[in-house]
Structures are given as C-alpha cells and as structure tokens.
Protein backbone atom coordinates (compact mmCIF):
# COMPACT_ATOMS: atom_id res chain seq x y z
CA MET A 1 15.22 7.86 2.29
CA ASN A 2 16.28 5.08 4.66
CA THR A 3 13.24 3.13 5.90
CA GLN A 4 14.07 3.55 9.58
CA VAL A 5 14.57 7.28 9.13
CA TYR A 6 11.26 7.53 7.25
CA LEU A 7 9.42 5.68 10.02
CA ARG A 8 10.94 7.83 12.73
CA LEU A 9 10.09 11.07 10.93
CA ASN A 10 6.62 10.15 9.69
CA VAL A 11 5.17 7.34 11.79
CA PHE A 12 6.57 6.93 15.30
CA LYS A 13 4.61 8.73 18.03
CA GLY A 14 6.67 7.69 21.02
CA GLY A 15 9.61 10.01 20.64
CA ALA A 16 13.29 9.11 20.69
CA SER A 17 12.78 6.03 22.87
CA GLU A 18 10.51 4.28 20.35
CA GLN A 19 12.33 1.55 18.41
CA SER A 20 11.28 -0.69 15.52
CA VAL A 21 10.93 -4.42 16.33
CA ALA A 22 9.34 -5.84 13.15
CA PHE A 23 8.32 -4.37 9.81
CA PHE A 24 6.87 -6.48 7.00
CA THR A 25 4.48 -6.53 4.05
CA THR A 26 1.22 -8.39 4.49
CA SER A 27 -2.53 -7.77 4.17
CA PHE A 28 -5.24 -7.10 6.72
CA LEU A 29 -8.96 -6.95 7.46
CA ARG A 30 -10.38 -4.43 9.91
CA SER A 31 -13.53 -4.40 12.01
CA ASP A 32 -13.88 -0.69 12.71
CA LEU A 33 -15.83 -0.01 9.51
CA LYS A 34 -19.55 -0.28 8.80
CA VAL A 35 -18.92 -2.88 6.10
CA VAL A 36 -16.19 -5.52 6.13
CA GLU A 37 -13.93 -4.59 3.23
CA GLU A 38 -11.85 -6.93 1.10
CA GLU A 39 -8.29 -7.46 2.24
CA LYS A 40 -5.91 -4.56 1.81
CA GLU A 41 -2.18 -4.82 1.33
CA CYS A 42 -0.27 -3.09 4.09
CA GLN A 43 2.99 -2.63 5.90
CA PHE A 44 2.75 -3.87 9.47
CA LEU A 45 5.02 -2.20 11.99
CA LEU A 46 5.65 -3.37 15.55
CA THR A 47 7.69 -1.17 17.87
CA ASN A 48 8.62 -1.46 21.52
CA MET A 49 5.58 0.70 22.35
CA SER A 50 2.93 0.32 19.64
CA PHE A 51 1.79 -1.34 16.47
CA TYR A 52 0.94 0.48 13.24
CA ILE A 53 -0.79 -0.51 10.01
CA LEU A 54 0.32 1.54 7.01
CA VAL A 55 -1.05 1.52 3.48
CA GLN A 56 -0.05 3.03 0.16
CA GLN A 57 -3.08 5.11 -0.79
CA LYS A 58 -2.15 5.46 -4.46
CA LYS A 59 -0.32 2.95 -6.66
CA ASN A 60 2.64 5.22 -7.46
CA ASP A 61 2.68 7.02 -4.13
CA LYS A 62 6.00 6.53 -2.35
CA GLY A 63 4.58 7.59 0.98
CA LEU A 64 2.62 5.48 3.46
CA THR A 65 -0.51 6.46 5.35
CA VAL A 66 -1.14 5.24 8.89
CA VAL A 67 -4.64 3.73 9.00
CA ALA A 68 -4.36 2.19 12.47
CA ASP A 69 -2.08 2.73 15.43
CA HIS A 70 -2.44 1.43 18.96
CA LYS A 71 -0.31 1.33 22.06
CA LEU A 72 0.60 -2.22 23.04
CA ARG A 73 -1.13 -1.62 26.38
CA GLU A 74 -4.43 -1.30 24.45
CA LEU A 75 -4.22 -4.91 23.27
CA LYS A 76 -6.63 -7.19 25.12
CA GLY A 77 -6.48 -10.36 23.06
CA VAL A 78 -4.36 -11.95 20.34
CA LEU A 79 -5.91 -14.83 18.43
CA VAL A 80 -3.39 -17.17 16.83
CA GLY A 81 -5.16 -18.63 13.80
CA LEU A 82 -5.30 -22.32 12.98
CA PHE A 83 -1.94 -23.63 11.74
CA TYR A 84 -0.59 -20.09 12.29
CA GLN A 85 -2.10 -18.83 9.02
CA LEU A 86 -3.08 -15.46 10.51
CA PHE A 87 -3.31 -13.57 13.77
CA ARG A 88 -5.97 -11.20 15.09
CA LEU A 89 -5.21 -8.20 17.29
CA GLU A 90 -8.15 -7.30 19.54
CA ILE A 91 -8.49 -3.87 21.14
CA ASN A 92 -12.16 -4.04 22.11
CA GLU A 93 -15.43 -5.56 20.86
CA ASN A 94 -15.60 -3.11 17.97
CA THR A 95 -11.95 -2.69 17.03
CA TYR A 96 -9.81 -5.61 15.91
CA TYR A 97 -7.59 -6.51 12.98
CA SER A 98 -6.89 -9.81 11.22
CA ILE A 99 -3.38 -9.87 9.81
CA MET A 100 -3.38 -12.30 6.88
CA THR A 101 0.18 -13.65 6.73
CA ARG A 102 -0.78 -17.01 5.14
CA ASN A 103 2.57 -18.13 6.45
CA HIS A 104 3.06 -20.42 9.45
CA ASN A 105 6.71 -19.49 10.00
CA ARG A 106 6.16 -15.74 9.80
CA THR A 107 3.18 -15.82 12.16
CA HIS A 108 5.01 -18.05 14.65
CA LYS A 109 8.05 -15.78 14.63
CA PHE A 110 5.94 -12.64 14.99
CA ILE A 111 3.92 -14.01 17.91
CA GLU A 112 7.17 -14.79 19.73
CA MET A 113 8.43 -11.26 19.01
CA LEU A 114 5.17 -9.71 20.22
CA GLN A 115 5.16 -11.73 23.44
CA SER A 116 8.78 -10.81 24.13
CA THR A 117 8.14 -7.12 23.37
CA ILE A 118 5.12 -6.99 25.66
CA LYS A 119 7.11 -8.52 28.53
CA LYS A 120 9.70 -5.76 28.17
CA CYS A 121 7.15 -2.95 27.89
CA ASP A 122 7.12 -1.04 31.18
CA ASP A 123 3.66 0.51 30.85
CA ILE A 124 1.78 -2.77 30.40
CA PHE A 125 0.26 -3.94 33.67
CA ASP A 126 -2.51 -6.06 32.19
CA PRO A 127 -0.98 -8.01 29.28
CA PRO A 128 -3.20 -9.36 26.50
CA VAL A 129 -4.37 -12.96 26.38
CA PHE A 130 -2.75 -15.01 23.61
CA TYR A 131 -5.13 -17.78 22.64
CA HIS A 132 -6.01 -20.43 20.05
CA ARG A 133 -9.50 -21.57 19.07
CA THR A 134 -8.67 -24.95 17.54
CA LYS A 135 -11.86 -26.59 18.79
CA ASP A 136 -13.97 -23.81 17.26
CA TYR A 137 -12.23 -24.18 13.90
CA LEU A 138 -12.72 -27.95 13.84
CA PHE A 139 -16.31 -27.80 15.05
CA ASN A 140 -17.25 -25.18 12.44
CA MET A 141 -15.52 -27.16 9.69
CA GLY A 142 -17.57 -30.19 10.67
CA ILE A 143 -20.80 -28.18 10.60
CA SER A 144 -20.15 -26.64 7.18
CA LEU A 145 -18.33 -29.45 5.38
CA LEU A 146 -19.51 -32.70 6.97
CA SER A 147 -23.09 -31.98 8.05
CA GLY A 148 -22.05 -31.76 11.68
CA LYS A 149 -19.76 -34.78 11.82
CA PRO A 150 -16.30 -34.26 13.37
CA ILE A 151 -13.50 -33.66 10.90
CA LYS A 152 -10.15 -35.45 11.03
CA LEU A 153 -8.01 -32.55 9.86
CA ILE A 154 -4.57 -33.21 8.40
CA PHE A 155 -3.91 -30.02 6.41
CA TYR A 156 -5.25 -26.46 6.33
CA ALA A 157 -4.00 -23.30 4.66
CA VAL A 158 -5.33 -19.87 3.80
CA VAL A 159 -4.73 -19.42 0.06
CA PHE A 160 -5.81 -17.67 -3.09
CA MET A 161 -7.52 -19.62 -5.86
CA LYS A 162 -7.81 -18.80 -9.55
CA GLN A 163 -11.43 -18.26 -10.50
CA LYS A 164 -12.73 -17.04 -13.85
CA GLY A 165 -15.02 -14.05 -13.64
CA SER A 166 -14.08 -13.18 -10.07
CA ASN A 167 -14.82 -9.58 -9.05
CA TYR A 168 -12.44 -9.71 -6.11
CA LYS A 169 -10.30 -6.55 -6.02
CA GLY A 170 -8.60 -6.91 -2.66
CA ALA A 171 -4.99 -7.71 -1.81
CA GLY A 172 -3.42 -10.71 -3.49
CA PRO A 173 -1.08 -11.80 -6.29
CA THR A 174 -2.23 -10.11 -9.51
CA LYS A 175 -0.11 -11.99 -12.04
CA TYR A 176 -2.43 -15.04 -12.00
CA GLY A 177 -5.50 -13.22 -13.26
CA PRO A 178 -8.87 -13.32 -11.42
CA ILE A 179 -8.53 -14.83 -7.94
CA VAL A 180 -10.52 -15.27 -4.74
CA PRO A 181 -9.36 -15.78 -1.14
CA ARG A 182 -10.11 -19.30 0.01
CA SER A 183 -9.13 -21.93 2.56
CA ILE A 184 -7.98 -25.38 1.47
CA ILE A 185 -8.84 -28.12 3.96
CA MET A 186 -7.72 -31.74 3.87
CA SER A 187 -9.33 -34.42 6.01
CA ASP A 188 -8.28 -38.06 6.07
CA GLU A 189 -10.62 -38.75 3.13
CA ASN A 190 -11.42 -35.49 1.33
CA LEU A 191 -10.14 -32.17 0.02
CA TYR A 192 -12.31 -29.08 0.41
CA ILE A 193 -12.25 -25.49 -0.76
CA ALA A 194 -14.09 -23.09 1.52
CA GLU A 195 -14.82 -19.42 1.81
CA GLU A 196 -13.94 -18.34 5.33
CA ASP A 197 -14.75 -15.34 7.50
CA TYR A 198 -11.23 -14.51 8.67
CA LEU A 199 -12.24 -11.45 10.67
CA ARG A 200 -15.27 -12.28 12.83
CA HIS A 201 -14.61 -15.97 13.47
CA PRO A 202 -13.67 -17.59 15.80
CA PRO A 203 -15.30 -15.57 18.63
CA LEU A 204 -13.41 -12.68 20.21
CA ILE A 205 -11.83 -12.95 23.64
CA PHE A 206 -14.45 -10.63 25.16
CA SER A 207 -17.15 -12.53 27.04
CA SER A 208 -19.81 -9.99 26.13
CA SER A 209 -19.12 -10.03 22.38
CA LYS A 210 -21.93 -11.41 20.23
CA LEU A 211 -21.43 -14.36 17.91
CA PRO A 212 -21.69 -13.34 14.26
CA SER A 213 -24.75 -14.58 12.41
CA ASN A 214 -22.80 -15.56 9.29
CA PRO A 215 -21.08 -18.96 9.04
CA HIS A 216 -17.38 -19.39 9.74
CA PHE A 217 -16.91 -21.58 6.64
CA SER A 218 -18.94 -21.80 3.43
CA HIS A 219 -18.45 -24.91 1.29
CA LYS A 220 -17.23 -23.99 -2.23
CA GLY A 221 -16.05 -27.36 -3.53
CA GLY A 222 -14.78 -30.76 -2.55
CA HIS A 223 -13.47 -34.11 -3.75
CA LYS A 224 -12.43 -37.43 -2.34
CA LEU A 225 -8.67 -37.82 -2.09
CA SER A 226 -9.08 -40.88 -4.28
CA ASP A 227 -10.36 -38.57 -7.07
CA VAL A 228 -7.01 -36.74 -7.30
CA SER A 229 -5.39 -37.71 -10.61
CA ASN A 230 -2.23 -35.61 -10.50
CA MET A 231 -0.63 -32.45 -9.25
CA GLU A 232 1.30 -29.87 -11.22
CA LEU A 233 4.19 -27.75 -9.96
CA ASP A 234 5.83 -24.80 -11.67
CA GLY A 235 9.56 -24.80 -11.01
CA SER A 236 9.78 -21.06 -11.61
CA ASP A 237 6.95 -20.24 -9.19
CA SER A 238 7.39 -21.13 -5.53
CA LEU A 239 3.71 -20.52 -4.64
CA TYR A 240 1.63 -21.98 -7.49
CA PHE A 241 0.06 -25.45 -7.10
CA LYS A 242 -2.39 -27.20 -9.42
CA ILE A 243 -4.48 -30.23 -8.42
CA ALA A 244 -6.39 -32.23 -11.03
CA PHE A 245 -9.38 -34.42 -10.13
CA GLU A 246 -11.18 -37.15 -12.04
CA GLU A 247 -14.01 -39.11 -10.52
CA GLU A 248 -14.08 -42.90 -10.88
CA ASN A 249 -16.69 -42.86 -13.60
CA GLY A 250 -14.58 -40.41 -15.59
CA LYS A 251 -17.54 -38.09 -16.08
CA LYS A 252 -16.37 -35.24 -13.89
CA GLN A 253 -13.00 -33.58 -14.23
CA GLU A 254 -11.89 -30.45 -12.41
CA VAL A 255 -8.71 -28.50 -11.75
CA TRP A 256 -7.93 -26.35 -8.73
CA GLU A 257 -5.25 -23.70 -9.22
CA ILE A 258 -4.00 -22.64 -5.81
CA ILE A 259 -1.57 -19.90 -4.79
CA LEU A 260 -0.05 -20.64 -1.40
CA GLY A 261 1.25 -18.01 1.01
CA SER A 262 4.80 -19.32 1.20
CA GLU A 263 7.10 -21.92 -0.29
CA ASN A 264 6.95 -23.83 2.98
CA GLU A 265 3.12 -24.03 2.85
CA LYS A 266 3.38 -25.33 -0.72
CA LYS A 267 5.83 -28.04 0.34
CA LYS A 268 3.54 -29.10 3.20
CA LEU A 269 0.59 -29.42 0.83
CA LYS A 270 2.63 -31.41 -1.68
CA ASP A 271 4.06 -33.75 0.94
CA THR A 272 0.75 -34.30 2.76
CA LEU A 273 -1.22 -34.94 -0.43
CA SER A 274 1.46 -37.29 -1.79
CA LYS A 275 1.56 -39.26 1.46
CA LYS A 276 -2.22 -39.72 1.62
CA TRP A 277 -2.40 -40.74 -2.06
CA LYS A 278 0.33 -43.33 -1.56
CA GLU A 279 -1.54 -44.77 1.42
CA LEU A 280 -4.58 -45.20 -0.81
CA PHE A 281 -2.98 -46.62 -3.95
CA LYS A 282 0.50 -47.83 -2.87
CA LEU A 283 1.88 -45.71 -5.72
CA ASP A 284 3.44 -42.27 -6.03
CA LEU A 285 1.04 -39.48 -6.96
CA PRO A 286 1.80 -38.39 -10.55
CA CYS A 287 3.46 -34.97 -10.54
CA VAL A 288 3.75 -32.80 -13.64
CA LYS A 289 6.66 -30.35 -13.44
CA LYS A 290 6.77 -27.37 -15.76
C-alpha cells in the first residue's frame, strides 16, 4: 500500500484537510513513562495539524502503531539541541519527547518546516517557544569534564560507540555488535566520551519544572588531542570512525570505535580533528583507509 494512503487510512485524525509535511525514520525518548526507557526506533510524522510518533511493535510486522499524537497547538516548547543533534517537543511538565536525529542537517531542516507549518496553522493562537540552551550545555560539560572550569568547545556530536559486553538493547545500528549511546566532545585540548541524559537535560521551558537530580553528562573517557596517533576510515561505511590513542610514555593505548549519525557529521569530525592535530604537530594526522 502507498505510504500516504496508509497514513491517511490508519493514522491521520484530522479528516480530509490533514496533509503530510514530513515523514522520516529516527529514534526517540519519551517522558510520559514511570521509567525512562532506552531509545526506540520510530517513524516521525508531521502534518499540517499534528505530529505523530509511530513504532513497529514486532520485527516482521508491516503495520505501525501510534504511540504518541498531539495537535500542534498543544506544543509549548521546542528545544533545539546543541549543534542540532536532536530536538525536544514539550507538551507539559510531564509529557515531552526527545527526537534523536543525530544529524545537524536533518534537525535544521525539520525545525524550519515545523516553524513554517505552525505559522500556517489557523488554530494556533499561542505558538510554542523555540529555544536553545547552549550556555547550559557548556556549563554542564565544564562541571562534569573539567571540574567546573569553562570548556572551549570545538566539536560535539551524539553518536553510538562500540563497547564489548554492552547490555544496551535500544535503537541503533546493529551490524557493529554491542554498542552504547554516547556523546563525543572535543575541546581545544582534549577529546571526551560522555554518557548524556538526552531527555531531561537541559531544563524544560516551563518555569515551574524541577531540575533533574541526575547529571547532564557523565564522564566515560578522555584523552589529550596530542595522544591521538591515527584515525581509521572505512570507505564502504559512511558512518564508522575509529580513533587510536597512545600516550607519550607509550604505556596506554586505546581505540574508540564511533558510529556517527550522518556522513556529514563524520566529515566534520574528521576535518576538525585533522585541523587540531596539524596545529599541534605541523603534520597531517595519519589516516588509515580500509
């Protein structure tokens, strides 16, 4: 069955006047549960009246189940994540959704579509606030990664990382084996891997909402940029990126295997890391190409 026909017959609630604006595959986190679940893969649908989150309940099930649907007039706040790696749709203090695009271009394009759609929506008299929390991100990075010192951020991306023995069973690329969701953060001197709360941080738009007790970022690893020994790219894989480290004394070696959210994010990481390494050593960063 044609996708648009399927959506009209099984999903749309606004009658003949409801029209699809955007429909794409992504993953999401939701607040309206007692326990924050791992990310779930979903189809995200924006129409001229509403937004819907649809999931495939069973692996071989051709149908989609609506797990969230809201009129656009219900939206009160839209957080645009740092470097456009995600966006959060806020209905009230207890109901909000983080859409994990991991893709600057897709998020940027969607936010423009959403703003345009809301302007054209006749039944919205109190439009949502679109906002960034850059200062919160940077402050919380400094607290968790630099003992409270300010961070000079030059790269950030929401990624997956290969990790042996991981019990993570949420959304993500399965072909790489065990993985975990992580954030990769580059300052002017260091590279960090952090676990991040993508749902409850930064604070919601609502003035009465309580700050979560858990940290925004949890430090999971880090190296000086000068400890990077090489990077490895797989020509047949547009998302995979390997970084090898070796400390000056040669005693500690480590490899990070990162899966980026888009080819563009991978290129940004490669270019930024190469530039910083050349500033340090006046040489090109060794790159192994498979």
